[in-house]
C-alpha atoms as a PDB file:
ATOM      1  CA  MET A   1       4.338 -48.183 -51.218  1.00  0.00           C
ATOM      2  CA  ALA A   2       4.083 -51.982 -51.285  1.00  0.00           C
ATOM      3  CA  LEU A   3       3.665 -53.778 -47.979  1.00  0.00           C
ATOM      4  CA  ARG A   4       6.647 -55.895 -46.926  1.00  0.00           C
ATOM      5  CA  ILE A   5       6.094 -59.493 -45.821  1.00  0.00           C
ATOM      6  CA  LEU A   6       8.697 -61.564 -43.959  1.00  0.00           C
ATOM      7  CA  ILE A   7       8.411 -65.304 -44.745  1.00  0.00           C
ATOM      8  CA  VAL A   8       9.963 -67.558 -42.100  1.00  0.00           C
ATOM      9  CA  ASP A   9      10.168 -71.173 -43.300  1.00  0.00           C
ATOM     10  CA  ASP A  10      13.011 -73.706 -43.383  1.00  0.00           C
ATOM     11  CA  GLU A  11      11.878 -75.228 -46.703  1.00  0.00           C
ATOM     12  CA  PRO A  12      13.596 -73.207 -49.470  1.00  0.00           C
ATOM     13  CA  ALA A  13      11.266 -74.520 -52.184  1.00  0.00           C
ATOM     14  CA  LEU A  14       8.125 -73.588 -50.274  1.00  0.00           C
ATOM     15  CA  GLN A  15       9.580 -70.225 -49.334  1.00  0.00           C
ATOM     16  CA  ALA A  16      10.380 -69.514 -52.996  1.00  0.00           C
ATOM     17  CA  MET A  17       6.829 -70.469 -53.998  1.00  0.00           C
ATOM     18  CA  VAL A  18       5.278 -68.180 -51.372  1.00  0.00           C
ATOM     19  CA  LYS A  19       7.600 -65.355 -52.413  1.00  0.00           C
ATOM     20  CA  GLU A  20       6.464 -65.715 -56.024  1.00  0.00           C
ATOM     21  CA  ILE A  21       2.777 -65.736 -55.018  1.00  0.00           C
ATOM     22  CA  LEU A  22       3.148 -62.598 -52.916  1.00  0.00           C
ATOM     23  CA  THR A  23       5.395 -60.771 -55.385  1.00  0.00           C
ATOM     24  CA  GLN A  24       2.884 -61.307 -58.186  1.00  0.00           C
ATOM     25  CA  ALA A  25       0.196 -59.923 -55.870  1.00  0.00           C
ATOM     26  CA  GLY A  26       2.201 -56.714 -55.387  1.00  0.00           C
ATOM     27  CA  TYR A  27       3.927 -57.334 -52.047  1.00  0.00           C
ATOM     28  CA  GLU A  28       7.602 -56.953 -51.219  1.00  0.00           C
ATOM     29  CA  THR A  29       9.061 -60.084 -49.628  1.00  0.00           C
ATOM     30  CA  GLU A  30      11.986 -61.214 -47.532  1.00  0.00           C
ATOM     31  CA  GLY A  31      12.806 -64.751 -46.443  1.00  0.00           C
ATOM     32  CA  ALA A  32      14.386 -66.347 -43.388  1.00  0.00           C
ATOM     33  CA  LEU A  33      15.206 -70.023 -42.874  1.00  0.00           C
ATOM     34  CA  CYS A  34      15.578 -70.042 -39.076  1.00  0.00           C
ATOM     35  CA  CYS A  35      14.757 -68.097 -35.906  1.00  0.00           C
ATOM     36  CA  ALA A  36      18.083 -66.264 -35.757  1.00  0.00           C
ATOM     37  CA  GLU A  37      17.838 -65.060 -39.348  1.00  0.00           C
ATOM     38  CA  ALA A  38      14.189 -64.102 -38.842  1.00  0.00           C
ATOM     39  CA  LEU A  39      15.006 -61.916 -35.824  1.00  0.00           C
ATOM     40  CA  GLU A  40      17.835 -60.207 -37.701  1.00  0.00           C
ATOM     41  CA  LYS A  41      15.682 -59.410 -40.742  1.00  0.00           C
ATOM     42  CA  PHE A  42      12.690 -58.430 -38.595  1.00  0.00           C
ATOM     43  CA  ARG A  43      14.764 -55.803 -36.789  1.00  0.00           C
ATOM     44  CA  ALA A  44      16.489 -54.579 -39.942  1.00  0.00           C
ATOM     45  CA  SER A  45      13.553 -54.297 -42.333  1.00  0.00           C
ATOM     46  CA  ALA A  46      10.478 -53.694 -40.088  1.00  0.00           C
ATOM     47  CA  PRO A  47       8.081 -55.863 -42.133  1.00  0.00           C
ATOM     48  CA  ASP A  48       4.352 -55.114 -42.253  1.00  0.00           C
ATOM     49  CA  ALA A  49       3.453 -58.766 -41.556  1.00  0.00           C
ATOM     50  CA  VAL A  50       5.119 -62.109 -40.896  1.00  0.00           C
ATOM     51  CA  LEU A  51       4.273 -65.568 -42.263  1.00  0.00           C
ATOM     52  CA  LEU A  52       5.726 -67.871 -39.631  1.00  0.00           C
ATOM     53  CA  ASP A  53       6.310 -71.627 -39.743  1.00  0.00           C
ATOM     54  CA  VAL A  54       5.908 -73.539 -36.480  1.00  0.00           C
ATOM     55  CA  MET A  55       8.792 -76.001 -36.894  1.00  0.00           C
ATOM     56  CA  LEU A  56      12.194 -74.349 -37.401  1.00  0.00           C
ATOM     57  CA  PRO A  57      15.709 -75.807 -37.134  1.00  0.00           C
ATOM     58  CA  ASP A  58      16.863 -73.627 -34.224  1.00  0.00           C
ATOM     59  CA  GLY A  59      13.605 -73.317 -32.283  1.00  0.00           C
ATOM     60  CA  ASP A  60       9.852 -73.194 -32.753  1.00  0.00           C
ATOM     61  CA  GLY A  61       7.586 -70.566 -34.201  1.00  0.00           C
ATOM     62  CA  PHE A  62       5.623 -70.148 -30.983  1.00  0.00           C
ATOM     63  CA  SER A  63       8.703 -68.993 -29.058  1.00  0.00           C
ATOM     64  CA  LEU A  64       9.843 -66.823 -31.962  1.00  0.00           C
ATOM     65  CA  PHE A  65       6.389 -65.228 -32.091  1.00  0.00           C
ATOM     66  CA  GLY A  66       6.819 -64.004 -28.526  1.00  0.00           C
ATOM     67  CA  ARG A  67      10.204 -62.477 -29.298  1.00  0.00           C
ATOM     68  CA  LEU A  68       8.844 -60.695 -32.373  1.00  0.00           C
ATOM     69  CA  ARG A  69       5.909 -59.248 -30.466  1.00  0.00           C
ATOM     70  CA  GLN A  70       8.217 -57.957 -27.730  1.00  0.00           C
ATOM     71  CA  GLY A  71       9.659 -55.547 -30.268  1.00  0.00           C
ATOM     72  CA  ARG A  72       6.565 -54.584 -32.264  1.00  0.00           C
ATOM     73  CA  ASP A  73       2.916 -55.556 -32.516  1.00  0.00           C
ATOM     74  CA  VAL A  74       3.183 -56.722 -36.128  1.00  0.00           C
ATOM     75  CA  PRO A  75       0.527 -58.996 -37.719  1.00  0.00           C
ATOM     76  CA  VAL A  76       1.648 -62.645 -37.671  1.00  0.00           C
ATOM     77  CA  LEU A  77       0.098 -65.574 -39.545  1.00  0.00           C
ATOM     78  CA  PHE A  78       1.292 -69.056 -38.638  1.00  0.00           C
ATOM     79  CA  VAL A  79       1.797 -71.306 -41.681  1.00  0.00           C
ATOM     80  CA  SER A  80       2.356 -74.900 -40.644  1.00  0.00           C
ATOM     81  CA  ALA A  81       2.013 -78.530 -41.707  1.00  0.00           C
ATOM     82  CA  ARG A  82       0.750 -79.254 -38.197  1.00  0.00           C
ATOM     83  CA  ASP A  83      -3.033 -79.465 -38.352  1.00  0.00           C
ATOM     84  CA  GLU A  84      -3.583 -80.538 -34.756  1.00  0.00           C
ATOM     85  CA  ASP A  85      -6.252 -78.539 -32.978  1.00  0.00           C
ATOM     86  CA  GLU A  86      -3.874 -78.055 -30.044  1.00  0.00           C
ATOM     87  CA  ALA A  87      -1.196 -76.396 -32.185  1.00  0.00           C
ATOM     88  CA  ARG A  88      -3.722 -74.183 -33.977  1.00  0.00           C
ATOM     89  CA  LEU A  89      -5.366 -73.120 -30.728  1.00  0.00           C
ATOM     90  CA  ARG A  90      -1.982 -72.448 -29.144  1.00  0.00           C
ATOM     91  CA  GLY A  91      -0.952 -70.162 -31.994  1.00  0.00           C
ATOM     92  CA  LEU A  92      -4.217 -68.239 -31.938  1.00  0.00           C
ATOM     93  CA  GLY A  93      -4.183 -68.180 -28.147  1.00  0.00           C
ATOM     94  CA  LEU A  94      -0.779 -66.488 -28.176  1.00  0.00           C
ATOM     95  CA  GLY A  95      -2.305 -63.664 -30.194  1.00  0.00           C
ATOM     96  CA  ALA A  96      -1.502 -64.639 -33.788  1.00  0.00           C
ATOM     97  CA  ASP A  97      -3.766 -63.104 -36.416  1.00  0.00           C
ATOM     98  CA  ASP A  98      -4.408 -66.356 -38.315  1.00  0.00           C
ATOM     99  CA  TYR A  99      -3.245 -69.973 -38.669  1.00  0.00           C
ATOM    100  CA  ILE A 100      -2.955 -71.541 -42.133  1.00  0.00           C
ATOM    101  CA  THR A 101      -2.332 -75.240 -42.633  1.00  0.00           C
ATOM    102  CA  LYS A 102      -0.066 -76.624 -45.383  1.00  0.00           C
ATOM    103  CA  PRO A 103      -0.750 -77.487 -48.119  1.00  0.00           C
ATOM    104  CA  PHE A 104      -2.795 -74.445 -49.043  1.00  0.00           C
ATOM    105  CA  LEU A 105      -4.113 -72.918 -52.240  1.00  0.00           C
ATOM    106  CA  PRO A 106      -2.326 -69.734 -53.360  1.00  0.00           C
ATOM    107  CA  GLN A 107      -5.621 -67.851 -53.420  1.00  0.00           C
ATOM    108  CA  GLU A 108      -6.425 -68.959 -49.878  1.00  0.00           C
ATOM    109  CA  LEU A 109      -3.092 -67.585 -48.655  1.00  0.00           C
ATOM    110  CA  LEU A 110      -3.682 -64.252 -50.399  1.00  0.00           C
ATOM    111  CA  LEU A 111      -7.261 -63.909 -49.161  1.00  0.00           C
ATOM    112  CA  ARG A 112      -6.356 -64.600 -45.558  1.00  0.00           C
ATOM    113  CA  LEU A 113      -3.296 -62.352 -45.651  1.00  0.00           C
ATOM    114  CA  ARG A 114      -5.306 -59.509 -47.190  1.00  0.00           C
ATOM    115  CA  ALA A 115      -8.043 -59.913 -44.574  1.00  0.00           C
ATOM    116  CA  VAL A 116      -5.502 -59.575 -41.756  1.00  0.00           C
ATOM    117  CA  LEU A 117      -3.760 -56.583 -43.346  1.00  0.00           C
ATOM    118  CA  ARG A 118      -7.069 -54.784 -43.948  1.00  0.00           C
ATOM    119  CA  ARG A 119      -8.144 -55.388 -40.363  1.00  0.00           C
ATOM    120  CA  VAL A 120      -4.855 -54.208 -38.863  1.00  0.00           C
ATOM    121  CA  TYR A 121      -3.940 -51.252 -41.069  1.00  0.00           C
ATOM    122  CA  ARG A 122      -7.149 -49.747 -42.406  1.00  0.00           C
ATOM    123  CA  GLU A 123      -7.879 -47.649 -39.314  1.00  0.00           C
ATOM    124  CA  GLN A 124      -4.352 -46.545 -38.457  1.00  0.00           C
ATOM    125  CA  PRO A 125      -3.977 -42.769 -38.045  1.00  0.00           C
ATOM    126  CA  ALA A 126      -1.783 -40.734 -40.343  1.00  0.00           C
ATOM    127  CA  PRO A 127       1.923 -40.484 -39.463  1.00  0.00           C
ATOM    128  CA  ALA A 128       2.794 -37.874 -36.836  1.00  0.00           C
ATOM    129  CA  ARG A 129       5.692 -35.428 -36.950  1.00  0.00           C
ATOM    130  CA  LEU A 130       7.973 -34.207 -34.174  1.00  0.00           C
ATOM    131  CA  GLY A 131      10.545 -31.954 -35.788  1.00  0.00           C
ATOM    132  CA  ASP A 132      12.567 -34.085 -38.189  1.00  0.00           C
ATOM    133  CA  ALA A 133      11.106 -37.317 -36.787  1.00  0.00           C
ATOM    134  CA  GLU A 134       8.094 -39.018 -38.350  1.00  0.00           C
ATOM    135  CA  ILE A 135       6.139 -41.588 -36.327  1.00  0.00           C
ATOM    136  CA  ASP A 136       4.455 -44.259 -38.427  1.00  0.00           C
ATOM    137  CA  TRP A 137       1.723 -45.648 -36.143  1.00  0.00           C
ATOM    138  CA  GLY A 138       0.880 -48.462 -38.535  1.00  0.00           C
ATOM    139  CA  LYS A 139       4.406 -49.856 -38.586  1.00  0.00           C
ATOM    140  CA  GLY A 140       5.404 -48.750 -35.102  1.00  0.00           C
ATOM    141  CA  VAL A 141       8.597 -47.069 -36.293  1.00  0.00           C
ATOM    142  CA  VAL A 142      10.254 -43.651 -36.093  1.00  0.00           C
ATOM    143  CA  ARG A 143      11.797 -42.345 -39.315  1.00  0.00           C
ATOM    144  CA  ARG A 144      14.586 -39.785 -39.375  1.00  0.00           C
ATOM    145  CA  ALA A 145      17.226 -38.951 -41.976  1.00  0.00           C
ATOM    146  CA  GLY A 146      16.260 -41.881 -44.175  1.00  0.00           C
ATOM    147  CA  SER A 147      16.460 -44.532 -41.438  1.00  0.00           C
ATOM    148  CA  GLU A 148      13.782 -46.398 -39.483  1.00  0.00           C
ATOM    149  CA  THR A 149      13.946 -47.193 -35.763  1.00  0.00           C
ATOM    150  CA  PRO A 150      11.329 -49.610 -34.393  1.00  0.00           C
ATOM    151  CA  LEU A 151       9.435 -48.755 -31.228  1.00  0.00           C
ATOM    152  CA  THR A 152       8.967 -51.355 -28.526  1.00  0.00           C
ATOM    153  CA  ALA A 153       5.400 -52.101 -27.432  1.00  0.00           C
ATOM    154  CA  LYS A 154       5.846 -50.005 -24.260  1.00  0.00           C
ATOM    155  CA  GLU A 155       7.427 -47.101 -26.170  1.00  0.00           C
ATOM    156  CA  PHE A 156       4.580 -47.194 -28.683  1.00  0.00           C
ATOM    157  CA  ALA A 157       1.918 -47.108 -25.934  1.00  0.00           C
ATOM    158  CA  LEU A 158       3.763 -44.321 -24.121  1.00  0.00           C
ATOM    159  CA  LEU A 159       4.185 -42.174 -27.215  1.00  0.00           C
ATOM    160  CA  LYS A 160       0.565 -42.753 -28.274  1.00  0.00           C
ATOM    161  CA  ALA A 161      -0.727 -41.634 -24.855  1.00  0.00           C
ATOM    162  CA  LEU A 162       1.421 -38.494 -24.962  1.00  0.00           C
ATOM    163  CA  TRP A 163       0.499 -37.736 -28.583  1.00  0.00           C
ATOM    164  CA  GLU A 164      -3.237 -37.995 -27.924  1.00  0.00           C
ATOM    165  CA  ALA A 165      -2.844 -35.457 -25.090  1.00  0.00           C
ATOM    166  CA  ARG A 166      -0.137 -33.350 -26.772  1.00  0.00           C
ATOM    167  CA  GLY A 167       0.136 -29.867 -25.400  1.00  0.00           C
ATOM    168  CA  ASN A 168      -1.167 -31.029 -22.020  1.00  0.00           C
ATOM    169  CA  ILE A 169       0.496 -32.622 -19.005  1.00  0.00           C
ATOM    170  CA  VAL A 170       0.015 -36.376 -18.634  1.00  0.00           C
ATOM    171  CA  THR A 171       0.602 -37.425 -15.045  1.00  0.00           C
ATOM    172  CA  ILE A 172       2.978 -40.183 -14.002  1.00  0.00           C
ATOM    173  CA  ASP A 173       0.047 -42.227 -12.671  1.00  0.00           C
ATOM    174  CA  ALA A 174      -1.841 -41.897 -15.962  1.00  0.00           C
ATOM    175  CA  LEU A 175       1.184 -42.995 -18.001  1.00  0.00           C
ATOM    176  CA  CYS A 176       1.859 -45.937 -15.692  1.00  0.00           C
ATOM    177  CA  SER A 177      -1.788 -46.973 -16.011  1.00  0.00           C
ATOM    178  CA  ALA A 178      -1.445 -46.863 -19.810  1.00  0.00           C
ATOM    179  CA  LEU A 179       1.625 -49.105 -19.726  1.00  0.00           C
ATOM    180  CA  TRP A 180       0.956 -51.540 -16.871  1.00  0.00           C
ATOM    181  CA  ASP A 181      -2.003 -53.205 -15.178  1.00  0.00           C
ATOM    182  CA  GLY A 182      -2.352 -53.443 -11.431  1.00  0.00           C
ATOM    183  CA  PRO A 183      -0.824 -51.335  -8.654  1.00  0.00           C
ATOM    184  CA  LEU A 184       1.381 -48.477  -9.827  1.00  0.00           C
ATOM    185  CA  VAL A 185       3.807 -48.459  -6.900  1.00  0.00           C
ATOM    186  CA  GLY A 186       7.408 -48.855  -8.022  1.00  0.00           C
ATOM    187  CA  TYR A 187       6.880 -48.145 -11.732  1.00  0.00           C
ATOM    188  CA  GLU A 188       8.124 -44.531 -11.716  1.00  0.00           C
ATOM    189  CA  ASN A 189      11.780 -45.459 -12.263  1.00  0.00           C
ATOM    190  CA  THR A 190      10.875 -47.891 -15.046  1.00  0.00           C
ATOM    191  CA  LEU A 191       8.782 -45.167 -16.678  1.00  0.00           C
ATOM    192  CA  MET A 192      11.806 -42.838 -16.596  1.00  0.00           C
ATOM    193  CA  VAL A 193      13.855 -45.487 -18.427  1.00  0.00           C
ATOM    194  CA  HIS A 194      11.200 -45.745 -21.168  1.00  0.00           C
ATOM    195  CA  ILE A 195      11.046 -41.946 -21.438  1.00  0.00           C
ATOM    196  CA  ARG A 196      14.832 -41.761 -21.853  1.00  0.00           C
ATOM    197  CA  ARG A 197      14.853 -44.450 -24.559  1.00  0.00           C
ATOM    198  CA  LEU A 198      11.920 -42.832 -26.337  1.00  0.00           C
ATOM    199  CA  ARG A 199      13.738 -39.484 -26.376  1.00  0.00           C
ATOM    200  CA  GLU A 200      16.700 -41.195 -28.022  1.00  0.00           C
ATOM    201  CA  LYS A 201      14.381 -42.150 -30.885  1.00  0.00           C
ATOM    202  CA  VAL A 202      12.276 -39.005 -31.354  1.00  0.00           C
ATOM    203  CA  GLU A 203      14.561 -36.167 -30.233  1.00  0.00           C
ATOM    204  CA  ALA A 204      17.465 -34.757 -32.242  1.00  0.00           C
ATOM    205  CA  ASP A 205      19.254 -34.030 -28.939  1.00  0.00           C
ATOM    206  CA  PRO A 206      17.894 -36.390 -26.244  1.00  0.00           C
ATOM    207  CA  SER A 207      19.861 -34.613 -23.487  1.00  0.00           C
ATOM    208  CA  HIS A 208      18.089 -31.352 -24.337  1.00  0.00           C
ATOM    209  CA  PRO A 209      14.627 -32.473 -25.470  1.00  0.00           C
ATOM    210  CA  ARG A 210      12.565 -30.140 -27.591  1.00  0.00           C
ATOM    211  CA  PHE A 211       9.295 -32.093 -27.640  1.00  0.00           C
ATOM    212  CA  LEU A 212       9.114 -34.743 -24.897  1.00  0.00           C
ATOM    213  CA  LEU A 213       9.287 -32.488 -21.845  1.00  0.00           C
ATOM    214  CA  THR A 214       9.439 -33.291 -18.124  1.00  0.00           C
ATOM    215  CA  VAL A 215       7.044 -31.404 -15.847  1.00  0.00           C
ATOM    216  CA  ARG A 216       8.675 -31.840 -12.463  1.00  0.00           C
ATOM    217  CA  GLY A 217       6.476 -33.331  -9.783  1.00  0.00           C
ATOM    218  CA  LEU A 218       3.623 -33.967 -12.200  1.00  0.00           C
ATOM    219  CA  GLY A 219       4.561 -35.992 -15.281  1.00  0.00           C
ATOM    220  CA  TYR A 220       5.390 -35.354 -18.920  1.00  0.00           C
ATOM    221  CA  ARG A 221       4.132 -33.240 -21.792  1.00  0.00           C
ATOM    222  CA  LEU A 222       4.526 -33.666 -25.535  1.00  0.00           C
ATOM    223  CA  ARG A 223       4.887 -30.167 -26.938  1.00  0.00           C
ATOM    224  CA  ARG A 224       2.935 -29.217 -30.023  1.00  0.00           C
ATOM    225  CA  GLU A 225       5.168 -28.187 -32.906  1.00  0.00           C
ATOM    226  CA  GLU A 226       4.878 -24.482 -33.579  1.00  0.00           C
ATOM    227  CA  ARG A 227       3.625 -23.581 -37.028  1.00  0.00           C
ATOM    228  CA  PRO A 228       5.475 -20.850 -38.964  1.00  0.00           C
END
């Protein structure tokens, strides 16, 4: 399956050129001309990576980057005409995977995109199954009945911790430590909220969970699926 790249740039001609470069290289592409459109398409299509311009008509790429990463830890490459060291360092300091300055050679764009994708996706574990739900760790999504539901960063970390210990109890303190730094006092109720939302994504009947089980007074356990 071809990787899907979201291109966020307010210059239609440049966006069309980048789309052609990536399509010829075997990628699927989607385009957005502003922050609002980018957020809508990001949530709807769960792209594998984002090429993100810094200057956009309804905001800036740095702020948009933060909003994208709140939902999913997707690879992001800034593509900008701004070559100032301050802008480049800010983008990389926020956690972006690369920063490419316009104008660029098509081959440079492809090489740097491929390097990021190899680094991010090559060591991802195989998808996991919980009943009729499939968890794609690489994309951070849950698939069921032909639809994809993205996991938030906290939901992803929570599910990963439970999956790695599946069959065993994971204590409340251990889960809080996996999700938050610092003192754990006061996080129990927030953890319960994340558990409830995660059940809505991985359980067929969240009110009567089959896999993500509560162990009263101790924590939670992700039940192993029984083999026939």
